[in-house]
Amino acid sequence: MIDHKNALNQLFPAVRKKNASLVVGSSLNAGFISGSPRYNYGKESYKIPIEFLEKRKRLREVAANYGVDLRTAALQFSAAPDVAAALVVGASSEQQILADYTSMQTKIPAEFWAELKAEKLIEENAPTPA
């Protein structure tokens, strides 16, 4: 959700052209979406660009208005593209596994996704859950 434009407009069309699919990893940007003080992985993961922090804040505000858990939205958003065959989601406890399962079963209102697009928090052409 934070930085998906390149995947949406470059990677996904190339994958479709090859008639392939993807296993999506890091839907939560190494926990960043859930509140972790790092963004993705690597030596520089704790140097988070201010625009990503601001975007996460705005995403949280919209999510709160709809009673949506941002982590749940990020997982479902990552699974929505037609080229996404599966998600790889880390879990360090049984509770996290159950939370992941629950997140994928939760219904998120279409209006939530529409507002994210209207607010330019996700790309207009981004696929969203039905």
N, C-alpha and C. Protein backbone atom coordinates (compact mmCIF):
# COMPACT_ATOMS: atom_id res chain seq x y z
N MET A 1 0.82 -1.19 0.00
CA MET A 1 0.00 0.00 0.00
C MET A 1 0.86 1.26 0.00
N ILE A 2 2.02 1.17 0.59
CA ILE A 2 2.85 2.36 0.71
C ILE A 2 3.49 2.72 -0.62
N ASP A 3 4.06 1.74 -1.32
CA ASP A 3 4.80 2.02 -2.55
C ASP A 3 4.51 0.91 -3.56
N HIS A 4 3.41 1.05 -4.28
CA HIS A 4 2.98 -0.03 -5.18
C HIS A 4 2.91 0.38 -6.65
N LYS A 5 3.18 1.62 -6.96
CA LYS A 5 3.01 2.13 -8.33
C LYS A 5 3.85 1.36 -9.36
N ASN A 6 5.12 1.12 -9.07
CA ASN A 6 5.98 0.41 -10.00
C ASN A 6 5.49 -1.01 -10.24
N ALA A 7 5.16 -1.71 -9.17
CA ALA A 7 4.66 -3.08 -9.33
C ALA A 7 3.39 -3.09 -10.17
N LEU A 8 2.50 -2.18 -9.90
CA LEU A 8 1.22 -2.10 -10.60
C LEU A 8 1.39 -1.81 -12.09
N ASN A 9 2.24 -0.86 -12.41
CA ASN A 9 2.35 -0.38 -13.79
C ASN A 9 3.49 -1.00 -14.60
N GLN A 10 4.46 -1.61 -13.95
CA GLN A 10 5.59 -2.21 -14.67
C GLN A 10 5.64 -3.72 -14.50
N LEU A 11 5.72 -4.16 -13.25
CA LEU A 11 5.89 -5.58 -12.98
C LEU A 11 4.65 -6.41 -13.36
N PHE A 12 3.48 -6.01 -12.92
CA PHE A 12 2.27 -6.81 -13.18
C PHE A 12 2.02 -7.01 -14.68
N PRO A 13 2.13 -5.96 -15.51
CA PRO A 13 1.94 -6.19 -16.96
C PRO A 13 2.96 -7.17 -17.53
N ALA A 14 4.20 -7.10 -17.07
CA ALA A 14 5.24 -8.02 -17.56
C ALA A 14 4.92 -9.46 -17.14
N VAL A 15 4.42 -9.63 -15.93
CA VAL A 15 4.04 -10.96 -15.43
C VAL A 15 2.88 -11.51 -16.26
N ARG A 16 1.89 -10.67 -16.54
CA ARG A 16 0.75 -11.10 -17.36
C ARG A 16 1.21 -11.51 -18.75
N LYS A 17 2.11 -10.73 -19.32
CA LYS A 17 2.61 -11.01 -20.66
C LYS A 17 3.27 -12.39 -20.72
N LYS A 18 3.91 -12.80 -19.65
CA LYS A 18 4.57 -14.10 -19.57
C LYS A 18 3.61 -15.20 -19.10
N ASN A 19 2.33 -14.82 -18.87
CA ASN A 19 1.33 -15.75 -18.38
C ASN A 19 1.81 -16.43 -17.09
N ALA A 20 2.36 -15.64 -16.21
CA ALA A 20 2.89 -16.14 -14.94
C ALA A 20 2.09 -15.53 -13.78
N SER A 21 2.47 -15.86 -12.59
CA SER A 21 1.86 -15.28 -11.40
C SER A 21 2.94 -15.07 -10.34
N LEU A 22 2.59 -14.37 -9.29
CA LEU A 22 3.55 -13.99 -8.25
C LEU A 22 3.15 -14.53 -6.88
N VAL A 23 4.13 -14.83 -6.09
CA VAL A 23 3.96 -15.03 -4.66
C VAL A 23 4.41 -13.72 -4.03
N VAL A 24 3.50 -13.03 -3.40
CA VAL A 24 3.76 -11.69 -2.88
C VAL A 24 4.31 -11.77 -1.47
N GLY A 25 5.45 -11.14 -1.25
CA GLY A 25 6.05 -11.08 0.07
C GLY A 25 6.08 -9.66 0.58
N SER A 26 6.21 -9.48 1.85
CA SER A 26 6.32 -8.18 2.50
C SER A 26 5.12 -7.27 2.26
N SER A 27 3.94 -7.85 2.34
CA SER A 27 2.70 -7.06 2.23
C SER A 27 2.63 -5.97 3.28
N LEU A 28 3.28 -6.21 4.39
CA LEU A 28 3.25 -5.25 5.50
C LEU A 28 4.53 -4.43 5.57
N ASN A 29 5.35 -4.51 4.53
CA ASN A 29 6.62 -3.78 4.49
C ASN A 29 7.43 -4.01 5.75
N ALA A 30 7.66 -5.30 6.05
CA ALA A 30 8.43 -5.72 7.23
C ALA A 30 7.79 -5.23 8.53
N GLY A 31 6.47 -5.15 8.54
CA GLY A 31 5.75 -4.72 9.74
C GLY A 31 5.48 -3.24 9.81
N PHE A 32 6.00 -2.46 8.87
CA PHE A 32 5.80 -1.01 8.87
C PHE A 32 4.32 -0.64 8.92
N ILE A 33 3.51 -1.31 8.12
CA ILE A 33 2.07 -1.03 8.10
C ILE A 33 1.46 -1.25 9.48
N SER A 34 1.99 -2.23 10.21
CA SER A 34 1.46 -2.56 11.54
C SER A 34 2.06 -1.70 12.64
N GLY A 35 2.98 -0.81 12.29
CA GLY A 35 3.55 0.07 13.29
C GLY A 35 5.01 -0.15 13.61
N SER A 36 5.66 -1.08 12.93
CA SER A 36 7.08 -1.34 13.15
C SER A 36 7.91 -0.10 12.83
N PRO A 37 9.01 0.11 13.55
CA PRO A 37 9.88 1.27 13.28
C PRO A 37 10.87 1.01 12.15
N ARG A 38 10.54 0.10 11.25
CA ARG A 38 11.39 -0.14 10.09
C ARG A 38 10.50 -0.25 8.85
N TYR A 39 11.11 0.00 7.69
CA TYR A 39 10.41 -0.11 6.42
C TYR A 39 11.19 -1.09 5.54
N ASN A 40 10.57 -2.19 5.21
CA ASN A 40 11.20 -3.25 4.44
C ASN A 40 12.43 -3.79 5.17
N TYR A 41 13.38 -4.32 4.43
CA TYR A 41 14.52 -5.00 5.06
C TYR A 41 15.83 -4.37 4.59
N GLY A 42 16.90 -4.69 5.27
CA GLY A 42 18.21 -4.21 4.88
C GLY A 42 18.82 -3.29 5.92
N LYS A 43 20.06 -2.87 5.63
CA LYS A 43 20.81 -2.04 6.58
C LYS A 43 20.15 -0.68 6.81
N GLU A 44 19.45 -0.18 5.82
CA GLU A 44 18.85 1.16 5.91
C GLU A 44 17.36 1.11 6.30
N SER A 45 16.89 -0.03 6.76
CA SER A 45 15.45 -0.20 7.00
C SER A 45 14.89 0.71 8.09
N TYR A 46 15.74 1.23 8.95
CA TYR A 46 15.27 2.12 10.02
C TYR A 46 15.32 3.59 9.61
N LYS A 47 15.79 3.85 8.40
CA LYS A 47 15.77 5.21 7.84
C LYS A 47 14.55 5.31 6.92
N ILE A 48 13.44 5.66 7.53
CA ILE A 48 12.16 5.66 6.80
C ILE A 48 11.92 7.05 6.23
N PRO A 49 11.69 7.13 4.92
CA PRO A 49 11.40 8.44 4.32
C PRO A 49 10.16 9.06 4.95
N ILE A 50 10.21 10.35 5.19
CA ILE A 50 9.11 11.06 5.85
C ILE A 50 7.81 10.89 5.08
N GLU A 51 7.88 10.84 3.74
CA GLU A 51 6.64 10.69 2.98
C GLU A 51 5.97 9.35 3.24
N PHE A 52 6.74 8.31 3.58
CA PHE A 52 6.14 7.02 3.91
C PHE A 52 5.48 7.08 5.29
N LEU A 53 6.12 7.78 6.23
CA LEU A 53 5.51 7.96 7.55
C LEU A 53 4.21 8.74 7.45
N GLU A 54 4.22 9.78 6.64
CA GLU A 54 3.01 10.59 6.45
C GLU A 54 1.92 9.79 5.75
N LYS A 55 2.28 9.00 4.77
CA LYS A 55 1.29 8.19 4.06
C LYS A 55 0.68 7.16 5.00
N ARG A 56 1.51 6.52 5.83
CA ARG A 56 0.97 5.56 6.80
C ARG A 56 -0.02 6.24 7.73
N LYS A 57 0.30 7.44 8.15
CA LYS A 57 -0.60 8.19 9.04
C LYS A 57 -1.93 8.45 8.35
N ARG A 58 -1.89 8.88 7.09
CA ARG A 58 -3.12 9.16 6.35
C ARG A 58 -3.91 7.88 6.10
N LEU A 59 -3.22 6.78 5.77
CA LEU A 59 -3.90 5.50 5.60
C LEU A 59 -4.61 5.08 6.89
N ARG A 60 -3.94 5.27 8.01
CA ARG A 60 -4.54 4.92 9.31
C ARG A 60 -5.79 5.75 9.58
N GLU A 61 -5.75 7.04 9.23
CA GLU A 61 -6.90 7.91 9.45
C GLU A 61 -8.11 7.44 8.65
N VAL A 62 -7.89 7.14 7.37
CA VAL A 62 -9.00 6.65 6.55
C VAL A 62 -9.50 5.32 7.09
N ALA A 63 -8.59 4.43 7.42
CA ALA A 63 -8.98 3.12 7.96
C ALA A 63 -9.82 3.29 9.23
N ALA A 64 -9.41 4.18 10.11
CA ALA A 64 -10.15 4.41 11.36
C ALA A 64 -11.57 4.90 11.08
N ASN A 65 -11.72 5.73 10.06
CA ASN A 65 -13.05 6.24 9.70
C ASN A 65 -14.01 5.13 9.29
N TYR A 66 -13.47 4.03 8.80
CA TYR A 66 -14.30 2.91 8.35
C TYR A 66 -14.25 1.72 9.31
N GLY A 67 -13.53 1.86 10.40
CA GLY A 67 -13.39 0.76 11.34
C GLY A 67 -12.60 -0.40 10.75
N VAL A 68 -11.65 -0.08 9.87
CA VAL A 68 -10.85 -1.09 9.18
C VAL A 68 -9.46 -1.14 9.80
N ASP A 69 -8.98 -2.35 10.04
CA ASP A 69 -7.62 -2.55 10.51
C ASP A 69 -6.68 -2.38 9.31
N LEU A 70 -5.73 -1.46 9.39
CA LEU A 70 -4.85 -1.19 8.26
C LEU A 70 -4.04 -2.42 7.86
N ARG A 71 -3.65 -3.21 8.81
CA ARG A 71 -2.92 -4.44 8.52
C ARG A 71 -3.77 -5.38 7.66
N THR A 72 -5.03 -5.52 8.03
CA THR A 72 -5.98 -6.34 7.26
C THR A 72 -6.11 -5.80 5.85
N ALA A 73 -6.26 -4.49 5.73
CA ALA A 73 -6.39 -3.87 4.40
C ALA A 73 -5.14 -4.13 3.56
N ALA A 74 -3.98 -4.02 4.15
CA ALA A 74 -2.73 -4.23 3.40
C ALA A 74 -2.62 -5.67 2.89
N LEU A 75 -3.00 -6.62 3.71
CA LEU A 75 -2.95 -8.02 3.28
C LEU A 75 -3.93 -8.26 2.13
N GLN A 76 -5.15 -7.77 2.27
CA GLN A 76 -6.13 -7.97 1.21
C GLN A 76 -5.75 -7.21 -0.06
N PHE A 77 -5.19 -6.02 0.09
CA PHE A 77 -4.75 -5.24 -1.06
C PHE A 77 -3.66 -6.00 -1.83
N SER A 78 -2.75 -6.63 -1.11
CA SER A 78 -1.66 -7.37 -1.74
C SER A 78 -2.15 -8.61 -2.47
N ALA A 79 -3.26 -9.18 -2.02
CA ALA A 79 -3.81 -10.39 -2.64
C ALA A 79 -4.76 -10.07 -3.80
N ALA A 80 -5.15 -8.81 -3.96
CA ALA A 80 -6.18 -8.44 -4.94
C ALA A 80 -5.75 -8.55 -6.41
N PRO A 81 -4.51 -8.25 -6.77
CA PRO A 81 -4.16 -8.32 -8.20
C PRO A 81 -4.34 -9.73 -8.78
N ASP A 82 -4.75 -9.78 -10.03
CA ASP A 82 -4.96 -11.07 -10.68
C ASP A 82 -3.68 -11.88 -10.81
N VAL A 83 -2.54 -11.24 -10.72
CA VAL A 83 -1.26 -11.95 -10.83
C VAL A 83 -0.75 -12.47 -9.49
N ALA A 84 -1.45 -12.16 -8.40
CA ALA A 84 -1.04 -12.62 -7.07
C ALA A 84 -1.61 -14.02 -6.82
N ALA A 85 -0.72 -15.01 -6.77
CA ALA A 85 -1.14 -16.39 -6.53
C ALA A 85 -1.20 -16.70 -5.04
N ALA A 86 -0.35 -16.05 -4.25
CA ALA A 86 -0.28 -16.32 -2.82
C ALA A 86 0.46 -15.19 -2.13
N LEU A 87 0.29 -15.12 -0.81
CA LEU A 87 1.01 -14.16 0.02
C LEU A 87 1.94 -14.93 0.95
N VAL A 88 3.09 -14.36 1.22
CA VAL A 88 3.98 -14.87 2.25
C VAL A 88 3.93 -13.85 3.38
N VAL A 89 3.40 -14.27 4.50
CA VAL A 89 3.23 -13.36 5.64
C VAL A 89 3.94 -13.98 6.83
N GLY A 90 4.86 -13.23 7.40
CA GLY A 90 5.59 -13.74 8.55
C GLY A 90 4.70 -13.82 9.78
N ALA A 91 5.00 -14.78 10.63
CA ALA A 91 4.26 -14.94 11.88
C ALA A 91 5.20 -15.55 12.91
N SER A 92 5.22 -14.95 14.08
CA SER A 92 6.09 -15.46 15.13
C SER A 92 5.31 -16.11 16.26
N SER A 93 3.98 -16.21 16.10
CA SER A 93 3.17 -16.84 17.13
C SER A 93 1.89 -17.38 16.52
N GLU A 94 1.24 -18.23 17.26
CA GLU A 94 -0.05 -18.78 16.83
C GLU A 94 -1.07 -17.65 16.66
N GLN A 95 -1.00 -16.67 17.55
CA GLN A 95 -1.93 -15.55 17.47
C GLN A 95 -1.78 -14.78 16.15
N GLN A 96 -0.55 -14.63 15.68
CA GLN A 96 -0.34 -13.92 14.41
C GLN A 96 -0.88 -14.73 13.23
N ILE A 97 -0.76 -16.04 13.30
CA ILE A 97 -1.32 -16.89 12.24
C ILE A 97 -2.83 -16.74 12.21
N LEU A 98 -3.45 -16.76 13.38
CA LEU A 98 -4.91 -16.58 13.46
C LEU A 98 -5.31 -15.19 12.98
N ALA A 99 -4.52 -14.18 13.32
CA ALA A 99 -4.81 -12.81 12.88
C ALA A 99 -4.72 -12.71 11.36
N ASP A 100 -3.71 -13.37 10.77
CA ASP A 100 -3.58 -13.37 9.32
C ASP A 100 -4.80 -14.01 8.67
N TYR A 101 -5.22 -15.13 9.18
CA TYR A 101 -6.39 -15.83 8.65
C TYR A 101 -7.63 -14.94 8.77
N THR A 102 -7.82 -14.37 9.93
CA THR A 102 -8.98 -13.50 10.16
C THR A 102 -8.94 -12.31 9.22
N SER A 103 -7.78 -11.73 9.02
CA SER A 103 -7.64 -10.59 8.12
C SER A 103 -8.12 -10.92 6.71
N MET A 104 -7.82 -12.11 6.26
CA MET A 104 -8.20 -12.49 4.90
C MET A 104 -9.68 -12.83 4.79
N GLN A 105 -10.36 -13.05 5.91
CA GLN A 105 -11.79 -13.36 5.91
C GLN A 105 -12.67 -12.13 6.16
N THR A 106 -12.06 -11.05 6.60
CA THR A 106 -12.79 -9.85 6.98
C THR A 106 -13.28 -9.09 5.75
N LYS A 107 -14.52 -8.65 5.78
CA LYS A 107 -15.09 -7.86 4.69
C LYS A 107 -14.76 -6.39 4.93
N ILE A 108 -14.16 -5.77 3.92
CA ILE A 108 -13.82 -4.34 3.97
C ILE A 108 -14.76 -3.63 3.01
N PRO A 109 -15.40 -2.54 3.46
CA PRO A 109 -16.36 -1.84 2.60
C PRO A 109 -15.71 -1.27 1.33
N ALA A 110 -16.42 -1.37 0.23
CA ALA A 110 -15.94 -0.83 -1.05
C ALA A 110 -15.66 0.66 -0.94
N GLU A 111 -16.40 1.35 -0.10
CA GLU A 111 -16.21 2.79 0.09
C GLU A 111 -14.83 3.13 0.64
N PHE A 112 -14.29 2.22 1.45
CA PHE A 112 -12.94 2.41 1.98
C PHE A 112 -11.93 2.49 0.84
N TRP A 113 -12.01 1.51 -0.07
CA TRP A 113 -11.08 1.48 -1.20
C TRP A 113 -11.29 2.69 -2.10
N ALA A 114 -12.53 3.07 -2.30
CA ALA A 114 -12.84 4.23 -3.14
C ALA A 114 -12.24 5.50 -2.55
N GLU A 115 -12.32 5.64 -1.22
CA GLU A 115 -11.74 6.83 -0.59
C GLU A 115 -10.22 6.83 -0.69
N LEU A 116 -9.60 5.67 -0.55
CA LEU A 116 -8.14 5.61 -0.71
C LEU A 116 -7.73 6.09 -2.10
N LYS A 117 -8.50 5.70 -3.11
CA LYS A 117 -8.23 6.15 -4.47
C LYS A 117 -8.50 7.64 -4.62
N ALA A 118 -9.60 8.11 -4.09
CA ALA A 118 -9.96 9.53 -4.18
C ALA A 118 -8.92 10.40 -3.49
N GLU A 119 -8.37 9.91 -2.39
CA GLU A 119 -7.36 10.65 -1.64
C GLU A 119 -5.95 10.44 -2.19
N LYS A 120 -5.86 9.65 -3.27
CA LYS A 120 -4.59 9.33 -3.92
C LYS A 120 -3.61 8.61 -2.99
N LEU A 121 -4.17 7.81 -2.11
CA LEU A 121 -3.35 6.99 -1.21
C LEU A 121 -3.01 5.64 -1.85
N ILE A 122 -3.83 5.23 -2.80
CA ILE A 122 -3.51 4.10 -3.67
C ILE A 122 -3.79 4.56 -5.10
N GLU A 123 -3.15 3.92 -6.04
CA GLU A 123 -3.31 4.28 -7.44
C GLU A 123 -4.74 4.05 -7.92
N GLU A 124 -5.22 4.92 -8.79
CA GLU A 124 -6.57 4.81 -9.33
C GLU A 124 -6.81 3.47 -10.01
N ASN A 125 -5.79 2.92 -10.67
CA ASN A 125 -5.94 1.66 -11.40
C ASN A 125 -5.56 0.44 -10.56
N ALA A 126 -5.35 0.62 -9.27
CA ALA A 126 -4.99 -0.50 -8.40
C ALA A 126 -6.20 -1.42 -8.19
N PRO A 127 -6.00 -2.72 -8.38
CA PRO A 127 -7.09 -3.64 -8.08
C PRO A 127 -7.33 -3.68 -6.56
N THR A 128 -8.57 -3.77 -6.19
CA THR A 128 -8.93 -3.85 -4.77
C THR A 128 -9.83 -5.06 -4.57
N PRO A 129 -9.92 -5.54 -3.35
CA PRO A 129 -10.78 -6.70 -3.08
C PRO A 129 -12.23 -6.41 -3.46
N ALA A 130 -12.93 -7.46 -3.87
CA ALA A 130 -14.34 -7.32 -4.26
C ALA A 130 -15.20 -7.03 -3.05
